[in-house]
Amino acid sequence: MINVDESALNCSNYQRRSWSPSGSHHVEVIGKRLQGTHMVAAISSKGRSWFSIGSGNNNSDTFLLYLMRLCKQLDDEAVDWREKVVVLLDNAAYHRSKQCIEAFSSCAIPVFLQGPYSFRSAPVEMVFAQVKRRNLLPTATGASSRNSL
């Protein structure tokens, strides 16, 4: 099984800090807003993972581009992977779109669509949770560019 899903990354730090006098409600988000950043990820039942981070919103086009590249990589590794693997998807509207259904069929991708609100049975959701637990700002993660090395 390979579980594929998408997630928006709209904040650099999902942690929240709160302090307020008794009887009032105050929550401060300590992260920076990330405009139109998304992640598509896949995780297999054997522990392999594949990621893509991009700008813009997730839709049928971004999902199919990711899926086609994943299929090419799997084809390069083992041409018979379709006989051994099922791709598990949530019930997002664009996963059920005519464009996606035609792509699944023409590429012979074995797909299983989960029922609505089945995110607890999707292992890739744990990957998204781990990513969102961290502060994604480069100054906080120790990330650097080639120019700064």
C-alpha atoms as a PDB file:
ATOM      1  CA  MET A   1       0.000   0.000   0.000  1.00  0.00           C
ATOM      2  CA  ILE A   2       1.128   3.536  -0.764  1.00  0.00           C
ATOM      3  CA  ASN A   3      -0.874   6.283   0.930  1.00  0.00           C
ATOM      4  CA  VAL A   4      -0.797   9.602  -0.981  1.00  0.00           C
ATOM      5  CA  ASP A   5      -2.252  12.874   0.253  1.00  0.00           C
ATOM      6  CA  GLU A   6      -1.798  16.638   0.198  1.00  0.00           C
ATOM      7  CA  SER A   7      -1.599  19.263   2.900  1.00  0.00           C
ATOM      8  CA  ALA A   8      -1.382  23.044   2.959  1.00  0.00           C
ATOM      9  CA  LEU A   9       1.522  24.588   4.814  1.00  0.00           C
ATOM     10  CA  ASN A  10       0.075  27.993   5.599  1.00  0.00           C
ATOM     11  CA  CYS A  11       2.036  28.772   8.742  1.00  0.00           C
ATOM     12  CA  SER A  12       5.721  28.395   9.602  1.00  0.00           C
ATOM     13  CA  ASN A  13       4.980  27.302  13.157  1.00  0.00           C
ATOM     14  CA  TYR A  14       1.717  25.670  14.235  1.00  0.00           C
ATOM     15  CA  GLN A  15       2.527  25.935  17.936  1.00  0.00           C
ATOM     16  CA  ARG A  16       0.326  28.291  19.850  1.00  0.00           C
ATOM     17  CA  ARG A  17       1.121  30.231  23.002  1.00  0.00           C
ATOM     18  CA  SER A  18      -1.497  31.551  25.281  1.00  0.00           C
ATOM     19  CA  TRP A  19      -1.673  33.675  28.376  1.00  0.00           C
ATOM     20  CA  SER A  20      -4.585  35.748  29.489  1.00  0.00           C
ATOM     21  CA  PRO A  21      -6.319  36.814  32.649  1.00  0.00           C
ATOM     22  CA  SER A  22      -8.861  34.435  34.059  1.00  0.00           C
ATOM     23  CA  GLY A  23     -12.159  34.575  32.198  1.00  0.00           C
ATOM     24  CA  SER A  24     -10.773  35.829  28.881  1.00  0.00           C
ATOM     25  CA  HIS A  25      -9.482  33.917  25.867  1.00  0.00           C
ATOM     26  CA  HIS A  26      -6.222  34.777  24.140  1.00  0.00           C
ATOM     27  CA  VAL A  27      -4.237  32.645  21.702  1.00  0.00           C
ATOM     28  CA  GLU A  28      -1.181  33.946  19.900  1.00  0.00           C
ATOM     29  CA  VAL A  29       0.076  32.149  16.811  1.00  0.00           C
ATOM     30  CA  ILE A  30       3.871  32.455  16.866  1.00  0.00           C
ATOM     31  CA  GLY A  31       4.535  31.501  13.257  1.00  0.00           C
ATOM     32  CA  LYS A  32       4.827  33.503  10.069  1.00  0.00           C
ATOM     33  CA  ARG A  33       2.193  33.174   7.350  1.00  0.00           C
ATOM     34  CA  LEU A  34       3.288  31.101   4.350  1.00  0.00           C
ATOM     35  CA  GLN A  35       1.449  32.167   1.227  1.00  0.00           C
ATOM     36  CA  GLY A  36       0.272  29.300  -0.966  1.00  0.00           C
ATOM     37  CA  THR A  37       2.705  26.581   0.084  1.00  0.00           C
ATOM     38  CA  HIS A  38       1.648  22.949  -0.150  1.00  0.00           C
ATOM     39  CA  MET A  39       3.101  19.506   0.350  1.00  0.00           C
ATOM     40  CA  VAL A  40       2.191  16.273  -1.396  1.00  0.00           C
ATOM     41  CA  ALA A  41       3.512  13.160   0.278  1.00  0.00           C
ATOM     42  CA  ALA A  42       3.326   9.403  -0.020  1.00  0.00           C
ATOM     43  CA  ILE A  43       4.288   6.748   2.474  1.00  0.00           C
ATOM     44  CA  SER A  44       4.324   3.019   1.842  1.00  0.00           C
ATOM     45  CA  SER A  45       3.457   0.182   4.173  1.00  0.00           C
ATOM     46  CA  LYS A  46       7.170  -0.730   3.970  1.00  0.00           C
ATOM     47  CA  GLY A  47       8.228   2.661   5.338  1.00  0.00           C
ATOM     48  CA  ARG A  48       9.340   4.362   2.118  1.00  0.00           C
ATOM     49  CA  SER A  49       8.386   7.976   1.608  1.00  0.00           C
ATOM     50  CA  TRP A  50       8.231  10.473  -1.241  1.00  0.00           C
ATOM     51  CA  PHE A  51       7.681  14.247  -0.871  1.00  0.00           C
ATOM     52  CA  SER A  52       7.049  17.319  -2.953  1.00  0.00           C
ATOM     53  CA  ILE A  53       6.735  20.887  -1.691  1.00  0.00           C
ATOM     54  CA  GLY A  54       5.440  23.591  -3.998  1.00  0.00           C
ATOM     55  CA  SER A  55       3.757  26.934  -4.210  1.00  0.00           C
ATOM     56  CA  GLY A  56       0.131  27.501  -5.057  1.00  0.00           C
ATOM     57  CA  ASN A  57      -2.872  25.428  -4.117  1.00  0.00           C
ATOM     58  CA  ASN A  58      -3.381  21.690  -4.419  1.00  0.00           C
ATOM     59  CA  ASN A  59      -5.727  20.656  -7.192  1.00  0.00           C
ATOM     60  CA  SER A  60      -6.137  17.912  -9.808  1.00  0.00           C
ATOM     61  CA  ASP A  61      -3.176  19.204 -11.803  1.00  0.00           C
ATOM     62  CA  THR A  62      -0.684  19.299  -8.913  1.00  0.00           C
ATOM     63  CA  PHE A  63      -1.891  15.934  -7.647  1.00  0.00           C
ATOM     64  CA  LEU A  64      -1.630  14.263 -11.073  1.00  0.00           C
ATOM     65  CA  LEU A  65       1.824  15.736 -11.720  1.00  0.00           C
ATOM     66  CA  TYR A  66       3.010  14.273  -8.407  1.00  0.00           C
ATOM     67  CA  LEU A  67       1.339  10.918  -9.052  1.00  0.00           C
ATOM     68  CA  MET A  68       2.791  10.605 -12.575  1.00  0.00           C
ATOM     69  CA  ARG A  69       6.303  11.326 -11.272  1.00  0.00           C
ATOM     70  CA  LEU A  70       5.805   8.812  -8.461  1.00  0.00           C
ATOM     71  CA  CYS A  71       4.642   6.190 -10.989  1.00  0.00           C
ATOM     72  CA  LYS A  72       7.687   6.848 -13.180  1.00  0.00           C
ATOM     73  CA  GLN A  73       9.987   6.378 -10.206  1.00  0.00           C
ATOM     74  CA  LEU A  74       8.207   3.148  -9.212  1.00  0.00           C
ATOM     75  CA  ASP A  75       8.341   1.936 -12.857  1.00  0.00           C
ATOM     76  CA  ASP A  76      12.100   2.548 -12.905  1.00  0.00           C
ATOM     77  CA  GLU A  77      12.506   0.469  -9.737  1.00  0.00           C
ATOM     78  CA  ALA A  78      10.146  -2.414 -10.583  1.00  0.00           C
ATOM     79  CA  VAL A  79       7.892  -2.618 -13.637  1.00  0.00           C
ATOM     80  CA  ASP A  80       5.513  -5.002 -11.860  1.00  0.00           C
ATOM     81  CA  TRP A  81       4.794  -2.719  -8.865  1.00  0.00           C
ATOM     82  CA  ARG A  82       1.141  -2.330  -9.946  1.00  0.00           C
ATOM     83  CA  GLU A  83       0.586  -6.048  -9.235  1.00  0.00           C
ATOM     84  CA  LYS A  84       1.815  -5.659  -5.651  1.00  0.00           C
ATOM     85  CA  VAL A  85       0.660  -2.186  -4.599  1.00  0.00           C
ATOM     86  CA  VAL A  86      -2.609  -0.319  -4.057  1.00  0.00           C
ATOM     87  CA  VAL A  87      -2.572   3.486  -3.891  1.00  0.00           C
ATOM     88  CA  LEU A  88      -4.705   4.664  -0.960  1.00  0.00           C
ATOM     89  CA  LEU A  89      -6.312   8.098  -1.403  1.00  0.00           C
ATOM     90  CA  ASP A  90      -8.685  10.111   0.686  1.00  0.00           C
ATOM     91  CA  ASN A  91     -12.005  11.160  -0.744  1.00  0.00           C
ATOM     92  CA  ALA A  92     -10.939  14.654  -1.904  1.00  0.00           C
ATOM     93  CA  ALA A  93     -13.122  15.924  -4.735  1.00  0.00           C
ATOM     94  CA  TYR A  94     -10.260  16.136  -7.178  1.00  0.00           C
ATOM     95  CA  HIS A  95      -9.207  12.534  -6.465  1.00  0.00           C
ATOM     96  CA  ARG A  96     -12.652  11.589  -7.787  1.00  0.00           C
ATOM     97  CA  SER A  97     -12.555  14.024 -10.710  1.00  0.00           C
ATOM     98  CA  LYS A  98     -12.996  12.774 -14.261  1.00  0.00           C
ATOM     99  CA  GLN A  99      -9.429  13.865 -15.045  1.00  0.00           C
ATOM    100  CA  CYS A 100      -7.987  11.764 -12.198  1.00  0.00           C
ATOM    101  CA  ILE A 101     -10.179   8.711 -12.842  1.00  0.00           C
ATOM    102  CA  GLU A 102      -9.079   8.725 -16.501  1.00  0.00           C
ATOM    103  CA  ALA A 103      -5.413   9.008 -15.459  1.00  0.00           C
ATOM    104  CA  PHE A 104      -5.756   6.103 -13.000  1.00  0.00           C
ATOM    105  CA  SER A 105      -7.277   3.991 -15.747  1.00  0.00           C
ATOM    106  CA  SER A 106      -4.865   4.923 -18.560  1.00  0.00           C
ATOM    107  CA  CYS A 107      -1.821   4.393 -16.326  1.00  0.00           C
ATOM    108  CA  ALA A 108      -3.271   1.232 -14.747  1.00  0.00           C
ATOM    109  CA  ILE A 109      -2.839   2.631 -11.245  1.00  0.00           C
ATOM    110  CA  PRO A 110      -4.632   0.476  -8.651  1.00  0.00           C
ATOM    111  CA  VAL A 111      -6.497   2.970  -6.442  1.00  0.00           C
ATOM    112  CA  PHE A 112      -8.565   2.600  -3.285  1.00  0.00           C
ATOM    113  CA  LEU A 113     -10.572   5.641  -2.153  1.00  0.00           C
ATOM    114  CA  GLN A 114     -11.185   5.894   1.580  1.00  0.00           C
ATOM    115  CA  GLY A 115     -14.533   6.842   3.013  1.00  0.00           C
ATOM    116  CA  PRO A 116     -15.224  10.431   4.060  1.00  0.00           C
ATOM    117  CA  TYR A 117     -13.359  11.723   7.118  1.00  0.00           C
ATOM    118  CA  SER A 118     -11.058   8.690   7.348  1.00  0.00           C
ATOM    119  CA  PHE A 119      -7.900  10.644   8.079  1.00  0.00           C
ATOM    120  CA  ARG A 120      -7.156   8.537  11.165  1.00  0.00           C
ATOM    121  CA  SER A 121      -6.626   5.489   8.935  1.00  0.00           C
ATOM    122  CA  ALA A 122      -4.214   7.350   6.626  1.00  0.00           C
ATOM    123  CA  PRO A 123      -0.567   6.910   7.701  1.00  0.00           C
ATOM    124  CA  VAL A 124       0.578   9.902   5.640  1.00  0.00           C
ATOM    125  CA  GLU A 125      -1.372  12.154   8.036  1.00  0.00           C
ATOM    126  CA  MET A 126       1.235  11.298  10.702  1.00  0.00           C
ATOM    127  CA  VAL A 127       3.922  12.637   8.359  1.00  0.00           C
ATOM    128  CA  PHE A 128       2.033  15.916   7.996  1.00  0.00           C
ATOM    129  CA  ALA A 129       1.613  16.117  11.779  1.00  0.00           C
ATOM    130  CA  GLN A 130       5.379  15.682  12.280  1.00  0.00           C
ATOM    131  CA  VAL A 131       6.193  18.392   9.735  1.00  0.00           C
ATOM    132  CA  LYS A 132       3.715  20.799  11.308  1.00  0.00           C
ATOM    133  CA  ARG A 133       5.135  20.223  14.801  1.00  0.00           C
ATOM    134  CA  ARG A 134       8.345  21.975  13.773  1.00  0.00           C
ATOM    135  CA  ASN A 135       9.063  25.632  13.213  1.00  0.00           C
ATOM    136  CA  LEU A 136       9.563  25.794   9.438  1.00  0.00           C
ATOM    137  CA  LEU A 137      11.385  29.128   9.329  1.00  0.00           C
ATOM    138  CA  PRO A 138      14.941  28.675   7.982  1.00  0.00           C
ATOM    139  CA  THR A 139      16.374  30.682  10.894  1.00  0.00           C
ATOM    140  CA  ALA A 140      14.798  28.229  13.335  1.00  0.00           C
ATOM    141  CA  THR A 141      15.665  24.998  11.533  1.00  0.00           C
ATOM    142  CA  GLY A 142      19.309  25.712  10.798  1.00  0.00           C
ATOM    143  CA  ALA A 143      18.639  25.449   7.070  1.00  0.00           C
ATOM    144  CA  SER A 144      21.089  27.181   4.784  1.00  0.00           C
ATOM    145  CA  SER A 145      21.547  27.873   1.113  1.00  0.00           C
ATOM    146  CA  ARG A 146      24.606  27.028  -0.963  1.00  0.00           C
ATOM    147  CA  ASN A 147      25.578  30.692  -0.902  1.00  0.00           C
ATOM    148  CA  SER A 148      25.791  30.751   2.883  1.00  0.00           C
ATOM    149  CA  LEU A 149      28.007  27.665   3.199  1.00  0.00           C
END
